[in-house]
Amino acid sequence: MKAILEFNLPEDHEDYELLNNALNMSLALDEIRQYLRGQWKYQDPPDDIDKIYDRFFEICLEHKVEV
């Protein structure tokens, strides 16, 4: 099975960029999910929201996801 995606650039540039970054976004979201699960499961009490917020942006930067 083959799939070919075509974009009319520059009109479809945003869609093209979104598709190109989909894997990085998925990896970042999974890492964020794991981090939050660890916070709730193993931290008593969980870290404050500022630390969680900072870690969210660190993970996004590591995966080159712009937020």
Protein backbone atom coordinates (compact mmCIF):
# COMPACT_ATOMS: atom_id res chain seq x y z
CA MET A 1 0.00 0.00 0.00
CA LYS A 2 1.27 3.45 -0.85
CA ALA A 3 0.07 6.88 0.11
CA ILE A 4 1.14 10.05 -1.60
CA LEU A 5 0.38 13.38 -0.03
CA GLU A 6 0.52 16.45 -2.21
CA PHE A 7 0.57 20.04 -1.10
CA ASN A 8 0.15 23.20 -3.14
CA LEU A 9 2.92 25.34 -1.75
CA PRO A 10 2.99 28.05 -0.56
CA GLU A 11 -0.81 27.98 -0.03
CA ASP A 12 -0.71 24.72 1.98
CA HIS A 13 2.48 25.52 3.88
CA GLU A 14 0.80 25.33 7.32
CA ASP A 15 -0.67 21.90 6.58
CA TYR A 16 2.69 20.74 5.23
CA GLU A 17 4.50 21.86 8.40
CA LEU A 18 1.87 20.24 10.61
CA LEU A 19 2.31 16.92 8.84
CA ASN A 20 6.09 17.13 9.01
CA ASN A 21 5.97 17.77 12.76
CA ALA A 22 3.31 15.18 13.61
CA LEU A 23 5.78 12.55 14.86
CA ASN A 24 7.60 15.05 17.09
CA MET A 25 4.28 16.23 18.50
CA SER A 26 3.18 12.67 19.20
CA LEU A 27 6.46 11.84 20.96
CA ALA A 28 6.27 15.02 23.03
CA LEU A 29 2.68 14.35 24.09
CA ASP A 30 3.52 10.80 25.13
CA GLU A 31 6.48 12.00 27.19
CA ILE A 32 4.29 14.67 28.83
CA ARG A 33 1.67 12.01 29.61
CA GLN A 34 4.30 9.78 31.21
CA TYR A 35 5.70 12.68 33.22
CA LEU A 36 2.27 13.69 34.54
CA ARG A 37 1.42 10.09 35.40
CA GLY A 38 4.64 9.82 37.37
CA GLN A 39 3.87 13.03 39.20
CA TRP A 40 0.44 11.83 40.30
CA LYS A 41 1.51 8.28 41.08
CA TYR A 42 4.87 8.72 42.80
CA GLN A 43 5.00 12.28 44.17
CA ASP A 44 3.26 12.99 47.46
CA PRO A 45 2.23 15.75 47.01
CA PRO A 46 2.79 16.26 43.26
CA ASP A 47 5.20 19.02 42.20
CA ASP A 48 3.68 22.46 42.04
CA ILE A 49 2.10 23.62 38.84
CA ASP A 50 5.05 25.92 37.97
CA LYS A 51 7.46 22.99 37.82
CA ILE A 52 5.02 20.94 35.73
CA TYR A 53 4.47 23.90 33.40
CA ASP A 54 8.24 24.36 32.98
CA ARG A 55 8.73 20.66 32.25
CA PHE A 56 5.98 20.82 29.62
CA PHE A 57 7.93 23.48 27.70
CA GLU A 58 11.23 21.62 28.15
CA ILE A 59 9.73 18.50 26.59
CA CYS A 60 8.31 20.52 23.71
CA LEU A 61 11.71 22.11 23.07
CA GLU A 62 13.44 18.72 23.20
CA HIS A 63 11.10 17.45 20.49
CA LYS A 64 11.21 20.69 18.49
CA VAL A 65 7.50 21.28 18.96
CA GLU A 66 6.51 24.93 18.86
CA VAL A 67 3.80 25.87 21.34
